[in-house]
């Protein structure tokens, strides 16, 4: 397994195909995936998704006590900017794991990857994600009105915030 970095309680590494069951615990939960840009997965579909993630340079497994409890999406954009996304197993939410792993990802990116700017696009209704971005020191830069259609009603378009942090603003 290719470890990316570690924190006090967590390891962030590449996914492996064997992670499919833990990944399914995350991606089959309708509450967890509600604000995601994809539909909720079946357990069977997670087998292929774990394979896809294992060959991707944009998805990382957050591991606690040998269990994948979350996934981080970290994708390059233009001019030294990266997009950050995250999804965590509901049973592990509220324990600081997301904050710890994402703070570690931001620190690693700024200190080792030459990243200049990290941003996240968050549905304005997603209070948990918005508050997490703020805990990470990210600032709200923009609000996009009616950007993407709502999953349950494609005639309604949701608003999104853009949160970002620059390398020069980040204090580990």
N, C-alpha and C. Protein backbone atom coordinates (compact mmCIF):
# COMPACT_ATOMS: atom_id res chain seq x y z
N UNK A 1 0.84 -1.18 0.00
CA UNK A 1 0.00 0.00 0.00
C UNK A 1 0.89 1.24 0.00
N UNK A 2 0.50 2.17 -0.81
CA UNK A 2 1.29 3.38 -0.97
C UNK A 2 0.76 4.48 -0.06
N UNK A 3 1.46 4.67 1.08
CA UNK A 3 1.05 5.69 2.03
C UNK A 3 1.41 7.07 1.48
N UNK A 4 0.48 7.97 1.58
CA UNK A 4 0.68 9.35 1.14
C UNK A 4 1.24 10.15 2.32
N UNK A 5 0.55 10.10 3.46
CA UNK A 5 1.02 10.74 4.69
C UNK A 5 0.24 10.15 5.86
N UNK A 6 0.72 10.44 7.07
CA UNK A 6 0.04 10.00 8.30
C UNK A 6 -0.18 11.21 9.19
N UNK A 7 -1.20 11.08 10.04
CA UNK A 7 -1.46 12.06 11.09
C UNK A 7 -1.39 11.31 12.41
N UNK A 8 -1.80 11.94 13.48
CA UNK A 8 -1.74 11.30 14.79
C UNK A 8 -2.53 9.99 14.83
N UNK A 9 -3.73 9.99 14.24
CA UNK A 9 -4.61 8.81 14.32
C UNK A 9 -4.86 8.12 12.99
N UNK A 10 -4.45 8.74 11.88
CA UNK A 10 -4.88 8.29 10.56
C UNK A 10 -3.73 8.10 9.59
N UNK A 11 -4.00 7.28 8.59
CA UNK A 11 -3.11 7.15 7.44
C UNK A 11 -3.92 7.51 6.21
N UNK A 12 -3.33 8.28 5.33
CA UNK A 12 -3.96 8.59 4.04
C UNK A 12 -3.08 7.95 2.98
N UNK A 13 -3.71 7.10 2.17
CA UNK A 13 -2.97 6.30 1.18
C UNK A 13 -3.81 6.11 -0.06
N UNK A 14 -3.18 5.50 -1.06
CA UNK A 14 -3.90 5.13 -2.27
C UNK A 14 -4.93 4.05 -1.91
N UNK A 15 -6.01 4.02 -2.65
CA UNK A 15 -6.98 2.93 -2.51
C UNK A 15 -6.41 1.65 -3.09
N UNK A 16 -6.90 0.52 -2.60
CA UNK A 16 -6.61 -0.78 -3.20
C UNK A 16 -7.95 -1.42 -3.57
N UNK A 17 -7.95 -2.36 -4.50
CA UNK A 17 -9.21 -3.05 -4.84
C UNK A 17 -9.85 -3.71 -3.61
N UNK A 18 -9.03 -4.13 -2.65
CA UNK A 18 -9.54 -4.80 -1.46
C UNK A 18 -10.32 -3.86 -0.53
N UNK A 19 -10.28 -2.57 -0.79
CA UNK A 19 -10.99 -1.59 0.02
C UNK A 19 -12.48 -1.51 -0.30
N UNK A 20 -12.97 -2.34 -1.21
CA UNK A 20 -14.34 -2.21 -1.71
C UNK A 20 -15.41 -2.29 -0.63
N UNK A 21 -15.22 -3.14 0.37
CA UNK A 21 -16.25 -3.28 1.41
C UNK A 21 -16.34 -2.02 2.28
N UNK A 22 -15.17 -1.51 2.70
CA UNK A 22 -15.17 -0.27 3.48
C UNK A 22 -15.69 0.90 2.65
N UNK A 23 -15.31 0.94 1.38
CA UNK A 23 -15.80 1.98 0.48
C UNK A 23 -17.32 1.90 0.35
N UNK A 24 -17.84 0.69 0.30
CA UNK A 24 -19.30 0.50 0.21
C UNK A 24 -20.01 1.03 1.44
N UNK A 25 -19.36 0.92 2.61
CA UNK A 25 -19.96 1.46 3.83
C UNK A 25 -20.17 2.98 3.72
N UNK A 26 -19.38 3.63 2.89
CA UNK A 26 -19.48 5.08 2.68
C UNK A 26 -20.45 5.38 1.53
N UNK A 27 -20.20 4.78 0.38
CA UNK A 27 -20.90 5.17 -0.85
C UNK A 27 -22.30 4.60 -1.01
N UNK A 28 -22.70 3.65 -0.16
CA UNK A 28 -24.07 3.12 -0.23
C UNK A 28 -25.01 3.84 0.74
N UNK A 29 -24.47 4.78 1.50
CA UNK A 29 -25.26 5.52 2.49
C UNK A 29 -25.86 6.76 1.82
N UNK A 30 -27.18 6.77 1.65
CA UNK A 30 -27.86 7.88 0.96
C UNK A 30 -27.65 9.21 1.67
N UNK A 31 -27.56 9.19 2.99
CA UNK A 31 -27.33 10.44 3.73
C UNK A 31 -25.93 10.99 3.46
N UNK A 32 -24.95 10.10 3.41
CA UNK A 32 -23.56 10.51 3.18
C UNK A 32 -23.38 11.03 1.74
N UNK A 33 -24.01 10.40 0.79
CA UNK A 33 -23.82 10.78 -0.62
C UNK A 33 -24.82 11.82 -1.12
N UNK A 34 -25.70 12.29 -0.27
CA UNK A 34 -26.76 13.20 -0.71
C UNK A 34 -26.22 14.42 -1.46
N UNK A 35 -25.17 15.04 -0.96
CA UNK A 35 -24.64 16.25 -1.59
C UNK A 35 -23.56 15.96 -2.63
N UNK A 36 -23.27 14.70 -2.86
CA UNK A 36 -22.25 14.34 -3.84
C UNK A 36 -22.81 14.46 -5.26
N UNK A 37 -21.92 14.67 -6.25
CA UNK A 37 -22.38 14.84 -7.64
C UNK A 37 -22.71 13.52 -8.34
N UNK A 38 -22.74 12.44 -7.60
CA UNK A 38 -23.06 11.12 -8.16
C UNK A 38 -24.19 10.50 -7.34
N UNK A 39 -24.80 9.50 -7.90
CA UNK A 39 -25.87 8.79 -7.21
C UNK A 39 -25.27 7.85 -6.16
N UNK A 40 -26.07 7.43 -5.21
CA UNK A 40 -25.66 6.47 -4.21
C UNK A 40 -25.35 5.14 -4.90
N UNK A 41 -24.26 4.51 -4.49
CA UNK A 41 -23.80 3.27 -5.11
C UNK A 41 -24.51 2.05 -4.53
N UNK A 42 -24.43 0.96 -5.26
CA UNK A 42 -24.77 -0.36 -4.72
C UNK A 42 -23.47 -0.96 -4.18
N UNK A 43 -23.58 -1.95 -3.31
CA UNK A 43 -22.36 -2.60 -2.81
C UNK A 43 -21.59 -3.25 -3.95
N UNK A 44 -22.31 -3.80 -4.92
CA UNK A 44 -21.65 -4.44 -6.06
C UNK A 44 -20.85 -3.43 -6.88
N UNK A 45 -21.41 -2.25 -7.07
CA UNK A 45 -20.72 -1.21 -7.86
C UNK A 45 -19.46 -0.72 -7.16
N UNK A 46 -19.41 -0.85 -5.85
CA UNK A 46 -18.24 -0.40 -5.09
C UNK A 46 -17.01 -1.27 -5.35
N UNK A 47 -17.22 -2.50 -5.79
CA UNK A 47 -16.09 -3.37 -6.14
C UNK A 47 -15.33 -2.72 -7.30
N UNK A 48 -16.04 -2.32 -8.34
CA UNK A 48 -15.40 -1.67 -9.49
C UNK A 48 -14.88 -0.28 -9.11
N UNK A 49 -15.61 0.43 -8.28
CA UNK A 49 -15.16 1.78 -7.88
C UNK A 49 -13.85 1.72 -7.11
N UNK A 50 -13.67 0.72 -6.26
CA UNK A 50 -12.40 0.55 -5.55
C UNK A 50 -11.27 0.28 -6.53
N UNK A 51 -11.55 -0.49 -7.55
CA UNK A 51 -10.55 -0.74 -8.61
C UNK A 51 -10.22 0.57 -9.32
N UNK A 52 -11.26 1.33 -9.68
CA UNK A 52 -11.05 2.62 -10.34
C UNK A 52 -10.21 3.56 -9.47
N UNK A 53 -10.57 3.66 -8.19
CA UNK A 53 -9.84 4.54 -7.28
C UNK A 53 -8.39 4.09 -7.12
N UNK A 54 -8.15 2.77 -7.14
CA UNK A 54 -6.79 2.27 -6.93
C UNK A 54 -5.85 2.65 -8.07
N UNK A 55 -6.40 2.95 -9.24
CA UNK A 55 -5.56 3.36 -10.37
C UNK A 55 -5.61 4.87 -10.61
N UNK A 56 -6.25 5.59 -9.71
CA UNK A 56 -6.39 7.04 -9.85
C UNK A 56 -5.37 7.77 -8.98
N UNK A 57 -4.93 8.92 -9.47
CA UNK A 57 -4.06 9.78 -8.68
C UNK A 57 -4.85 10.90 -7.99
N UNK A 58 -6.18 10.80 -8.02
CA UNK A 58 -7.03 11.86 -7.47
C UNK A 58 -7.85 11.43 -6.25
N UNK A 59 -7.87 10.14 -5.92
CA UNK A 59 -8.67 9.65 -4.80
C UNK A 59 -7.77 8.97 -3.78
N UNK A 60 -8.00 9.29 -2.50
CA UNK A 60 -7.18 8.76 -1.43
C UNK A 60 -8.06 8.21 -0.32
N UNK A 61 -7.62 7.10 0.26
CA UNK A 61 -8.33 6.44 1.35
C UNK A 61 -7.84 7.01 2.68
N UNK A 62 -8.80 7.34 3.56
CA UNK A 62 -8.48 7.76 4.92
C UNK A 62 -8.70 6.52 5.79
N UNK A 63 -7.63 6.08 6.47
CA UNK A 63 -7.65 4.81 7.19
C UNK A 63 -7.45 5.05 8.69
N UNK A 64 -8.34 4.43 9.48
CA UNK A 64 -8.25 4.46 10.94
C UNK A 64 -8.34 3.02 11.44
N UNK A 65 -7.32 2.57 12.15
CA UNK A 65 -7.30 1.19 12.67
C UNK A 65 -7.59 0.17 11.58
N UNK A 66 -6.91 0.29 10.45
CA UNK A 66 -7.01 -0.63 9.31
C UNK A 66 -8.37 -0.62 8.60
N UNK A 67 -9.20 0.37 8.86
CA UNK A 67 -10.49 0.49 8.18
C UNK A 67 -10.52 1.81 7.41
N UNK A 68 -10.96 1.73 6.14
CA UNK A 68 -11.15 2.95 5.35
C UNK A 68 -12.42 3.62 5.87
N UNK A 69 -12.26 4.84 6.40
CA UNK A 69 -13.39 5.56 6.97
C UNK A 69 -13.79 6.78 6.13
N UNK A 70 -12.99 7.08 5.12
CA UNK A 70 -13.30 8.24 4.29
C UNK A 70 -12.52 8.21 2.99
N UNK A 71 -12.95 9.08 2.09
CA UNK A 71 -12.20 9.26 0.85
C UNK A 71 -11.98 10.74 0.63
N UNK A 72 -10.80 11.05 0.12
CA UNK A 72 -10.45 12.42 -0.22
C UNK A 72 -10.25 12.47 -1.73
N UNK A 73 -10.87 13.46 -2.33
CA UNK A 73 -10.67 13.76 -3.75
C UNK A 73 -9.75 14.97 -3.80
N UNK A 74 -8.64 14.86 -4.55
CA UNK A 74 -7.67 15.95 -4.65
C UNK A 74 -7.20 15.98 -6.09
N UNK A 75 -7.68 16.98 -6.83
CA UNK A 75 -7.50 16.97 -8.28
C UNK A 75 -6.86 18.28 -8.77
N UNK A 76 -5.81 18.16 -9.60
CA UNK A 76 -5.16 19.37 -10.11
C UNK A 76 -6.06 20.14 -11.06
N UNK A 77 -6.00 21.44 -10.96
CA UNK A 77 -6.66 22.36 -11.88
C UNK A 77 -5.57 23.26 -12.47
N UNK A 78 -5.91 24.38 -12.97
CA UNK A 78 -4.92 25.24 -13.62
C UNK A 78 -4.12 26.07 -12.62
N UNK A 79 -2.92 26.45 -13.01
CA UNK A 79 -2.09 27.44 -12.32
C UNK A 79 -1.80 27.10 -10.86
N UNK A 80 -1.48 25.85 -10.58
CA UNK A 80 -1.11 25.46 -9.22
C UNK A 80 -2.26 25.35 -8.25
N UNK A 81 -3.48 25.28 -8.78
CA UNK A 81 -4.68 25.19 -7.96
C UNK A 81 -5.19 23.75 -7.97
N UNK A 82 -5.69 23.28 -6.83
CA UNK A 82 -6.24 21.93 -6.70
C UNK A 82 -7.63 21.99 -6.11
N UNK A 83 -8.49 21.08 -6.57
CA UNK A 83 -9.83 20.96 -6.00
C UNK A 83 -9.83 19.86 -4.94
N UNK A 84 -10.47 20.14 -3.81
CA UNK A 84 -10.56 19.22 -2.69
C UNK A 84 -12.00 18.79 -2.50
N UNK A 85 -12.22 17.51 -2.30
CA UNK A 85 -13.53 16.96 -1.98
C UNK A 85 -13.35 15.87 -0.94
N UNK A 86 -14.43 15.52 -0.24
CA UNK A 86 -14.30 14.53 0.84
C UNK A 86 -15.65 13.92 1.14
N UNK A 87 -15.60 12.66 1.54
CA UNK A 87 -16.78 11.92 1.96
C UNK A 87 -16.34 10.96 3.05
N UNK A 88 -17.09 10.92 4.17
CA UNK A 88 -16.70 10.09 5.30
C UNK A 88 -17.85 9.21 5.76
N UNK A 89 -17.49 8.01 6.20
CA UNK A 89 -18.43 7.06 6.78
C UNK A 89 -19.19 7.76 7.92
N UNK A 90 -20.49 7.67 7.89
CA UNK A 90 -21.32 8.37 8.89
C UNK A 90 -20.97 7.96 10.32
N UNK A 91 -20.60 6.70 10.53
CA UNK A 91 -20.26 6.22 11.88
C UNK A 91 -19.01 6.90 12.44
N UNK A 92 -18.21 7.49 11.58
CA UNK A 92 -16.96 8.11 12.02
C UNK A 92 -17.02 9.64 11.96
N UNK A 93 -18.16 10.18 11.62
CA UNK A 93 -18.32 11.63 11.60
C UNK A 93 -18.46 12.16 13.02
N UNK A 94 -18.02 13.40 13.22
CA UNK A 94 -18.15 14.03 14.54
C UNK A 94 -17.04 13.69 15.51
N UNK A 95 -15.97 13.04 15.02
CA UNK A 95 -14.85 12.66 15.88
C UNK A 95 -13.55 13.36 15.48
N UNK A 96 -13.64 14.31 14.56
CA UNK A 96 -12.46 15.06 14.14
C UNK A 96 -11.62 14.39 13.07
N UNK A 97 -12.05 13.24 12.57
CA UNK A 97 -11.25 12.53 11.56
C UNK A 97 -11.16 13.30 10.24
N UNK A 98 -12.26 13.89 9.82
CA UNK A 98 -12.24 14.65 8.56
C UNK A 98 -11.32 15.85 8.71
N UNK A 99 -11.46 16.59 9.79
CA UNK A 99 -10.60 17.76 10.01
C UNK A 99 -9.14 17.35 10.04
N UNK A 100 -8.83 16.28 10.77
CA UNK A 100 -7.45 15.83 10.91
C UNK A 100 -6.86 15.39 9.57
N UNK A 101 -7.58 14.59 8.82
CA UNK A 101 -7.05 14.09 7.54
C UNK A 101 -6.96 15.19 6.49
N UNK A 102 -7.95 16.07 6.45
CA UNK A 102 -7.92 17.14 5.44
C UNK A 102 -6.88 18.20 5.78
N UNK A 103 -6.70 18.49 7.05
CA UNK A 103 -5.61 19.40 7.44
C UNK A 103 -4.27 18.79 7.03
N UNK A 104 -4.15 17.49 7.22
CA UNK A 104 -2.93 16.80 6.80
C UNK A 104 -2.74 16.85 5.29
N UNK A 105 -3.83 16.69 4.54
CA UNK A 105 -3.75 16.75 3.08
C UNK A 105 -3.33 18.14 2.62
N UNK A 106 -3.91 19.16 3.22
CA UNK A 106 -3.57 20.53 2.85
C UNK A 106 -2.10 20.82 3.16
N UNK A 107 -1.65 20.42 4.35
CA UNK A 107 -0.25 20.63 4.73
C UNK A 107 0.68 19.89 3.78
N UNK A 108 0.36 18.63 3.49
CA UNK A 108 1.20 17.84 2.59
C UNK A 108 1.26 18.49 1.20
N UNK A 109 0.13 18.92 0.70
CA UNK A 109 0.07 19.52 -0.64
C UNK A 109 0.89 20.80 -0.71
N UNK A 110 0.74 21.67 0.28
CA UNK A 110 1.48 22.92 0.27
C UNK A 110 2.98 22.71 0.50
N UNK A 111 3.34 21.78 1.36
CA UNK A 111 4.75 21.59 1.73
C UNK A 111 5.52 20.65 0.82
N UNK A 112 4.82 19.76 0.10
CA UNK A 112 5.53 18.74 -0.68
C UNK A 112 5.18 18.70 -2.17
N UNK A 113 4.05 19.22 -2.54
CA UNK A 113 3.60 19.09 -3.94
C UNK A 113 3.66 20.39 -4.73
N UNK A 114 4.07 21.46 -4.11
CA UNK A 114 4.16 22.73 -4.82
C UNK A 114 2.80 23.34 -5.15
N UNK A 115 1.78 22.96 -4.39
CA UNK A 115 0.44 23.49 -4.62
C UNK A 115 0.40 24.94 -4.12
N UNK A 116 -0.28 25.80 -4.87
CA UNK A 116 -0.40 27.21 -4.54
C UNK A 116 -1.74 27.54 -3.89
N UNK A 117 -2.81 26.86 -4.33
CA UNK A 117 -4.17 27.19 -3.90
C UNK A 117 -5.01 25.92 -3.87
N UNK A 118 -5.85 25.78 -2.84
CA UNK A 118 -6.76 24.63 -2.73
C UNK A 118 -8.16 25.19 -2.55
N UNK A 119 -9.12 24.61 -3.30
CA UNK A 119 -10.49 25.09 -3.19
C UNK A 119 -11.47 23.92 -3.12
N UNK A 120 -12.64 24.19 -2.57
CA UNK A 120 -13.73 23.21 -2.50
C UNK A 120 -15.02 23.90 -2.90
N UNK A 121 -15.85 23.21 -3.68
CA UNK A 121 -17.16 23.71 -4.08
C UNK A 121 -18.20 22.96 -3.26
N UNK A 122 -19.00 23.69 -2.48
CA UNK A 122 -19.88 23.08 -1.48
C UNK A 122 -21.30 23.58 -1.66
N UNK A 123 -22.24 22.65 -1.72
CA UNK A 123 -23.66 22.99 -1.77
C UNK A 123 -23.99 23.87 -0.56
N UNK A 124 -24.66 24.99 -0.79
CA UNK A 124 -24.94 25.93 0.31
C UNK A 124 -25.80 25.31 1.40
N UNK A 125 -26.50 24.21 1.11
CA UNK A 125 -27.33 23.53 2.12
C UNK A 125 -26.52 22.58 2.99
N UNK A 126 -25.27 22.31 2.61
CA UNK A 126 -24.44 21.33 3.30
C UNK A 126 -23.65 22.00 4.44
N UNK A 127 -24.33 22.21 5.55
CA UNK A 127 -23.72 22.91 6.69
C UNK A 127 -22.50 22.19 7.23
N UNK A 128 -22.53 20.85 7.32
CA UNK A 128 -21.38 20.10 7.85
C UNK A 128 -20.12 20.36 7.03
N UNK A 129 -20.26 20.33 5.72
CA UNK A 129 -19.10 20.53 4.85
C UNK A 129 -18.62 21.97 4.89
N UNK A 130 -19.55 22.91 4.93
CA UNK A 130 -19.20 24.33 5.01
C UNK A 130 -18.43 24.62 6.29
N UNK A 131 -18.91 24.10 7.42
CA UNK A 131 -18.24 24.32 8.70
C UNK A 131 -16.88 23.64 8.74
N UNK A 132 -16.76 22.48 8.10
CA UNK A 132 -15.47 21.80 8.02
C UNK A 132 -14.47 22.66 7.25
N UNK A 133 -14.88 23.20 6.11
CA UNK A 133 -13.99 24.06 5.33
C UNK A 133 -13.53 25.26 6.17
N UNK A 134 -14.42 25.82 6.93
CA UNK A 134 -14.07 26.96 7.78
C UNK A 134 -13.10 26.54 8.89
N UNK A 135 -13.30 25.34 9.47
CA UNK A 135 -12.35 24.84 10.49
C UNK A 135 -10.96 24.66 9.91
N UNK A 136 -10.90 24.35 8.63
CA UNK A 136 -9.62 24.14 7.96
C UNK A 136 -8.93 25.45 7.60
N UNK A 137 -9.59 26.57 7.89
CA UNK A 137 -9.00 27.87 7.58
C UNK A 137 -9.32 28.37 6.19
N UNK A 138 -10.22 27.68 5.51
CA UNK A 138 -10.61 28.11 4.17
C UNK A 138 -11.60 29.27 4.29
N UNK A 139 -11.55 30.18 3.33
CA UNK A 139 -12.46 31.32 3.33
C UNK A 139 -13.44 31.17 2.18
N UNK A 140 -14.63 31.70 2.38
CA UNK A 140 -15.64 31.68 1.32
C UNK A 140 -15.26 32.76 0.30
N UNK A 141 -15.05 32.32 -0.93
CA UNK A 141 -14.66 33.24 -2.00
C UNK A 141 -15.81 33.65 -2.90
N UNK A 142 -16.75 32.74 -3.08
CA UNK A 142 -17.79 33.00 -4.08
C UNK A 142 -19.04 32.20 -3.76
N UNK A 143 -20.13 32.62 -4.38
CA UNK A 143 -21.37 31.86 -4.33
C UNK A 143 -21.90 31.79 -5.76
N UNK A 144 -22.05 30.55 -6.23
CA UNK A 144 -22.62 30.32 -7.56
C UNK A 144 -24.10 30.06 -7.40
N UNK A 145 -24.91 30.83 -8.06
CA UNK A 145 -26.36 30.67 -7.99
C UNK A 145 -26.81 29.63 -9.02
N UNK A 146 -27.68 28.72 -8.55
CA UNK A 146 -28.30 27.71 -9.42
C UNK A 146 -27.30 27.03 -10.34
N UNK A 147 -26.27 26.44 -9.74
CA UNK A 147 -25.18 25.84 -10.52
C UNK A 147 -25.50 24.44 -11.05
N UNK A 148 -25.94 23.54 -10.16
CA UNK A 148 -26.20 22.15 -10.56
C UNK A 148 -27.62 21.75 -10.17
N UNK A 149 -28.23 20.85 -10.96
CA UNK A 149 -29.59 20.42 -10.62
C UNK A 149 -29.60 19.53 -9.38
N UNK A 150 -30.68 19.60 -8.64
CA UNK A 150 -30.88 18.78 -7.45
C UNK A 150 -31.14 17.34 -7.87
N UNK A 151 -30.61 16.39 -7.16
CA UNK A 151 -30.76 14.97 -7.51
C UNK A 151 -32.23 14.55 -7.61
N UNK A 152 -33.01 14.92 -6.60
CA UNK A 152 -34.40 14.43 -6.54
C UNK A 152 -35.37 15.24 -7.39
N UNK A 153 -34.93 16.39 -7.90
CA UNK A 153 -35.80 17.22 -8.74
C UNK A 153 -34.92 18.04 -9.67
N UNK A 154 -34.72 17.54 -10.87
CA UNK A 154 -33.80 18.17 -11.84
C UNK A 154 -34.27 19.55 -12.29
N UNK A 155 -35.48 19.95 -11.95
CA UNK A 155 -35.96 21.29 -12.32
C UNK A 155 -35.52 22.35 -11.31
N UNK A 156 -34.96 21.91 -10.16
CA UNK A 156 -34.46 22.82 -9.14
C UNK A 156 -32.93 22.81 -9.20
N UNK A 157 -32.35 23.99 -9.26
CA UNK A 157 -30.89 24.11 -9.29
C UNK A 157 -30.38 24.64 -7.96
N UNK A 158 -29.33 24.00 -7.45
CA UNK A 158 -28.78 24.36 -6.14
C UNK A 158 -27.70 25.42 -6.26
N UNK A 159 -27.55 26.21 -5.19
CA UNK A 159 -26.49 27.19 -5.10
C UNK A 159 -25.28 26.54 -4.43
N UNK A 160 -24.09 27.02 -4.77
CA UNK A 160 -22.84 26.47 -4.23
C UNK A 160 -21.92 27.59 -3.79
N UNK A 161 -21.19 27.33 -2.70
CA UNK A 161 -20.13 28.21 -2.25
C UNK A 161 -18.80 27.66 -2.75
N UNK A 162 -17.86 28.55 -2.98
CA UNK A 162 -16.48 28.16 -3.22
C UNK A 162 -15.68 28.62 -2.00
N UNK A 163 -15.02 27.66 -1.37
CA UNK A 163 -14.11 27.94 -0.26
C UNK A 163 -12.70 27.69 -0.76
N UNK A 164 -11.73 28.49 -0.29
CA UNK A 164 -10.36 28.31 -0.76
C UNK A 164 -9.37 28.75 0.30
N UNK A 165 -8.15 28.28 0.12
CA UNK A 165 -7.03 28.69 0.96
C UNK A 165 -5.78 28.73 0.09
N UNK A 166 -4.97 29.75 0.30
CA UNK A 166 -3.70 29.89 -0.40
C UNK A 166 -2.58 29.35 0.48
N UNK A 167 -1.50 28.91 -0.16
CA UNK A 167 -0.36 28.42 0.60
C UNK A 167 0.11 29.46 1.61
N UNK A 168 0.16 30.72 1.21
CA UNK A 168 0.67 31.77 2.11
C UNK A 168 -0.28 32.06 3.29
N UNK A 169 -1.51 31.57 3.22
CA UNK A 169 -2.47 31.75 4.31
C UNK A 169 -2.50 30.60 5.29
N UNK A 170 -1.91 29.46 4.89
CA UNK A 170 -2.02 28.24 5.67
C UNK A 170 -1.04 28.22 6.83
N UNK A 171 -1.54 27.97 8.01
CA UNK A 171 -0.69 27.77 9.19
C UNK A 171 -0.97 26.36 9.69
N UNK A 172 0.04 25.52 9.70
CA UNK A 172 -0.17 24.12 10.10
C UNK A 172 -0.51 23.98 11.54
